[in-house]
Amino acid sequence: MVDKLKLTAAMMLLAAGVVGYYILANEPELWRIVALLAGLALATAAVMQTPVGRSAWLFMKEARVELSKVVWPTRKETVQTTLVVIALVLLVALFLWIVDLGLIKGVSMLTGRS
């Protein structure tokens, strides 16, 4: 129950930051952004006190570790793959255009409109 209250408080703090952003419409943009970021920071701090927040933080840390294991393609590989994709798209477009023309001619012949 305490965790639900913390999550509710976090949502209220975030909402307060958003409301503060719009209430300060006549103030300089900096103050509006500070109000929004303060609400976000306080909401984050409240969420981090719950098991849900801690598990989300652990997930993000593990995702970052997994992301570092990714082998990214080189520029040359990326360009080559892109060119192959473009060539295949053009080839399929040409094929479909020819099939479409054939179907149009066939339907025209069947309906006697040729």
C-alpha atoms as a PDB file:
ATOM      1  CA  MET A   1       0.000   0.000   0.000  1.00  0.00           C
ATOM      2  CA  VAL A   2       2.881   2.328   0.810  1.00  0.00           C
ATOM      3  CA  ASP A   3       4.339   1.718  -2.645  1.00  0.00           C
ATOM      4  CA  LYS A   4       1.028   2.639  -4.255  1.00  0.00           C
ATOM      5  CA  LEU A   5       1.002   5.872  -2.269  1.00  0.00           C
ATOM      6  CA  LYS A   6       4.563   6.625  -3.412  1.00  0.00           C
ATOM      7  CA  LEU A   7       3.598   6.002  -7.038  1.00  0.00           C
ATOM      8  CA  THR A   8       0.535   8.194  -6.636  1.00  0.00           C
ATOM      9  CA  ALA A   9       2.689  10.932  -5.105  1.00  0.00           C
ATOM     10  CA  ALA A  10       5.115  10.598  -8.023  1.00  0.00           C
ATOM     11  CA  MET A  11       2.288  11.042 -10.524  1.00  0.00           C
ATOM     12  CA  MET A  12       1.043  14.064  -8.598  1.00  0.00           C
ATOM     13  CA  LEU A  13       4.537  15.592  -8.538  1.00  0.00           C
ATOM     14  CA  LEU A  14       4.900  15.064 -12.260  1.00  0.00           C
ATOM     15  CA  ALA A  15       1.467  16.583 -12.854  1.00  0.00           C
ATOM     16  CA  ALA A  16       2.432  19.514 -10.630  1.00  0.00           C
ATOM     17  CA  GLY A  17       5.501  20.120 -12.796  1.00  0.00           C
ATOM     18  CA  VAL A  18       3.395  20.117 -15.959  1.00  0.00           C
ATOM     19  CA  VAL A  19       0.778  22.380 -14.386  1.00  0.00           C
ATOM     20  CA  GLY A  20       3.549  24.690 -13.172  1.00  0.00           C
ATOM     21  CA  TYR A  21       4.891  24.881 -16.719  1.00  0.00           C
ATOM     22  CA  TYR A  22       1.549  26.142 -17.977  1.00  0.00           C
ATOM     23  CA  ILE A  23       0.794  28.369 -14.989  1.00  0.00           C
ATOM     24  CA  LEU A  24       4.088  30.182 -15.549  1.00  0.00           C
ATOM     25  CA  ALA A  25       3.121  31.010 -19.145  1.00  0.00           C
ATOM     26  CA  ASN A  26       3.890  34.705 -18.613  1.00  0.00           C
ATOM     27  CA  GLU A  27       7.277  34.034 -17.020  1.00  0.00           C
ATOM     28  CA  PRO A  28      10.571  33.527 -18.860  1.00  0.00           C
ATOM     29  CA  GLU A  29      10.932  30.155 -20.575  1.00  0.00           C
ATOM     30  CA  LEU A  30      13.765  29.201 -18.207  1.00  0.00           C
ATOM     31  CA  TRP A  31      11.482  29.276 -15.147  1.00  0.00           C
ATOM     32  CA  ARG A  32       8.862  27.214 -16.957  1.00  0.00           C
ATOM     33  CA  ILE A  33      11.427  24.579 -17.845  1.00  0.00           C
ATOM     34  CA  VAL A  34      12.825  24.592 -14.302  1.00  0.00           C
ATOM     35  CA  ALA A  35       9.320  23.956 -12.931  1.00  0.00           C
ATOM     36  CA  LEU A  36       8.817  21.077 -15.340  1.00  0.00           C
ATOM     37  CA  LEU A  37      12.219  19.537 -14.605  1.00  0.00           C
ATOM     38  CA  ALA A  38      11.738  19.942 -10.855  1.00  0.00           C
ATOM     39  CA  GLY A  39       8.449  18.042 -11.041  1.00  0.00           C
ATOM     40  CA  LEU A  40      10.119  15.357 -13.140  1.00  0.00           C
ATOM     41  CA  ALA A  41      13.085  15.065 -10.766  1.00  0.00           C
ATOM     42  CA  LEU A  42      10.892  14.823  -7.680  1.00  0.00           C
ATOM     43  CA  ALA A  43       8.625  12.275  -9.365  1.00  0.00           C
ATOM     44  CA  THR A  44      11.651  10.204 -10.366  1.00  0.00           C
ATOM     45  CA  ALA A  45      13.006  10.349  -6.822  1.00  0.00           C
ATOM     46  CA  ALA A  46       9.664   9.153  -5.477  1.00  0.00           C
ATOM     47  CA  VAL A  47       9.408   6.308  -7.996  1.00  0.00           C
ATOM     48  CA  MET A  48      12.955   5.162  -7.213  1.00  0.00           C
ATOM     49  CA  GLN A  49      11.833   4.463  -3.642  1.00  0.00           C
ATOM     50  CA  THR A  50       9.505   1.693  -4.864  1.00  0.00           C
ATOM     51  CA  PRO A  51      10.268  -1.836  -6.088  1.00  0.00           C
ATOM     52  CA  VAL A  52       8.882  -0.902  -9.498  1.00  0.00           C
ATOM     53  CA  GLY A  53      11.322   1.991  -9.777  1.00  0.00           C
ATOM     54  CA  ARG A  54      14.264  -0.093  -8.632  1.00  0.00           C
ATOM     55  CA  SER A  55      13.454  -2.867 -11.098  1.00  0.00           C
ATOM     56  CA  ALA A  56      13.081  -0.319 -13.905  1.00  0.00           C
ATOM     57  CA  TRP A  57      16.486   1.139 -13.022  1.00  0.00           C
ATOM     58  CA  LEU A  58      18.042  -2.336 -12.984  1.00  0.00           C
ATOM     59  CA  PHE A  59      16.462  -3.072 -16.367  1.00  0.00           C
ATOM     60  CA  MET A  60      17.937   0.131 -17.835  1.00  0.00           C
ATOM     61  CA  LYS A  61      21.382  -0.737 -16.470  1.00  0.00           C
ATOM     62  CA  GLU A  62      21.197  -4.240 -17.943  1.00  0.00           C
ATOM     63  CA  ALA A  63      19.947  -2.869 -21.265  1.00  0.00           C
ATOM     64  CA  ARG A  64      22.924  -0.520 -21.409  1.00  0.00           C
ATOM     65  CA  VAL A  65      25.293  -3.441 -20.831  1.00  0.00           C
ATOM     66  CA  GLU A  66      23.608  -5.426 -23.621  1.00  0.00           C
ATOM     67  CA  LEU A  67      23.742  -2.420 -25.924  1.00  0.00           C
ATOM     68  CA  SER A  68      27.501  -2.235 -25.449  1.00  0.00           C
ATOM     69  CA  LYS A  69      27.725  -5.830 -26.740  1.00  0.00           C
ATOM     70  CA  VAL A  70      26.086  -4.976 -30.069  1.00  0.00           C
ATOM     71  CA  VAL A  71      28.385  -5.143 -33.083  1.00  0.00           C
ATOM     72  CA  TRP A  72      27.416  -2.174 -35.211  1.00  0.00           C
ATOM     73  CA  PRO A  73      27.941  -2.340 -38.989  1.00  0.00           C
ATOM     74  CA  THR A  74      30.658  -0.274 -40.595  1.00  0.00           C
ATOM     75  CA  ARG A  75      29.815   2.620 -42.858  1.00  0.00           C
ATOM     76  CA  LYS A  76      30.753   0.532 -45.893  1.00  0.00           C
ATOM     77  CA  GLU A  77      28.445  -2.310 -44.830  1.00  0.00           C
ATOM     78  CA  THR A  78      25.603   0.126 -44.204  1.00  0.00           C
ATOM     79  CA  VAL A  79      25.991   1.760 -47.622  1.00  0.00           C
ATOM     80  CA  GLN A  80      26.184  -1.611 -49.379  1.00  0.00           C
ATOM     81  CA  THR A  81      23.096  -2.927 -47.595  1.00  0.00           C
ATOM     82  CA  THR A  82      21.188   0.257 -48.359  1.00  0.00           C
ATOM     83  CA  LEU A  83      22.071   0.030 -52.049  1.00  0.00           C
ATOM     84  CA  VAL A  84      20.953  -3.610 -52.179  1.00  0.00           C
ATOM     85  CA  VAL A  85      17.638  -2.681 -50.544  1.00  0.00           C
ATOM     86  CA  ILE A  86      17.080   0.191 -52.984  1.00  0.00           C
ATOM     87  CA  ALA A  87      17.914  -2.044 -55.972  1.00  0.00           C
ATOM     88  CA  LEU A  88      15.529  -4.753 -54.778  1.00  0.00           C
ATOM     89  CA  VAL A  89      12.751  -2.243 -54.150  1.00  0.00           C
ATOM     90  CA  LEU A  90      13.160  -0.911 -57.691  1.00  0.00           C
ATOM     91  CA  LEU A  91      13.205  -4.449 -59.093  1.00  0.00           C
ATOM     92  CA  VAL A  92      10.022  -5.426 -57.252  1.00  0.00           C
ATOM     93  CA  ALA A  93       8.372  -2.138 -58.288  1.00  0.00           C
ATOM     94  CA  LEU A  94       9.216  -2.850 -61.925  1.00  0.00           C
ATOM     95  CA  PHE A  95       7.892  -6.411 -61.623  1.00  0.00           C
ATOM     96  CA  LEU A  96       4.642  -5.229 -60.056  1.00  0.00           C
ATOM     97  CA  TRP A  97       4.268  -2.540 -62.731  1.00  0.00           C
ATOM     98  CA  ILE A  98       4.627  -5.173 -65.475  1.00  0.00           C
ATOM     99  CA  VAL A  99       2.132  -7.474 -63.725  1.00  0.00           C
ATOM    100  CA  ASP A 100      -0.274  -4.550 -63.355  1.00  0.00           C
ATOM    101  CA  LEU A 101       0.001  -3.699 -67.059  1.00  0.00           C
ATOM    102  CA  GLY A 102      -0.638  -7.338 -67.939  1.00  0.00           C
ATOM    103  CA  LEU A 103      -3.684  -7.477 -65.707  1.00  0.00           C
ATOM    104  CA  ILE A 104      -5.036  -4.247 -67.178  1.00  0.00           C
ATOM    105  CA  LYS A 105      -4.596  -5.610 -70.721  1.00  0.00           C
ATOM    106  CA  GLY A 106      -6.177  -8.921 -69.718  1.00  0.00           C
ATOM    107  CA  VAL A 107      -9.206  -7.301 -68.117  1.00  0.00           C
ATOM    108  CA  SER A 108      -9.559  -4.957 -71.095  1.00  0.00           C
ATOM    109  CA  MET A 109      -9.518  -7.910 -73.473  1.00  0.00           C
ATOM    110  CA  LEU A 110     -12.055  -9.849 -71.359  1.00  0.00           C
ATOM    111  CA  THR A 111     -14.437  -6.914 -71.154  1.00  0.00           C
ATOM    112  CA  GLY A 112     -13.989  -5.970 -74.821  1.00  0.00           C
ATOM    113  CA  ARG A 113     -12.613  -2.484 -74.153  1.00  0.00           C
ATOM    114  CA  SER A 114      -9.318  -2.914 -76.006  1.00  0.00           C
END
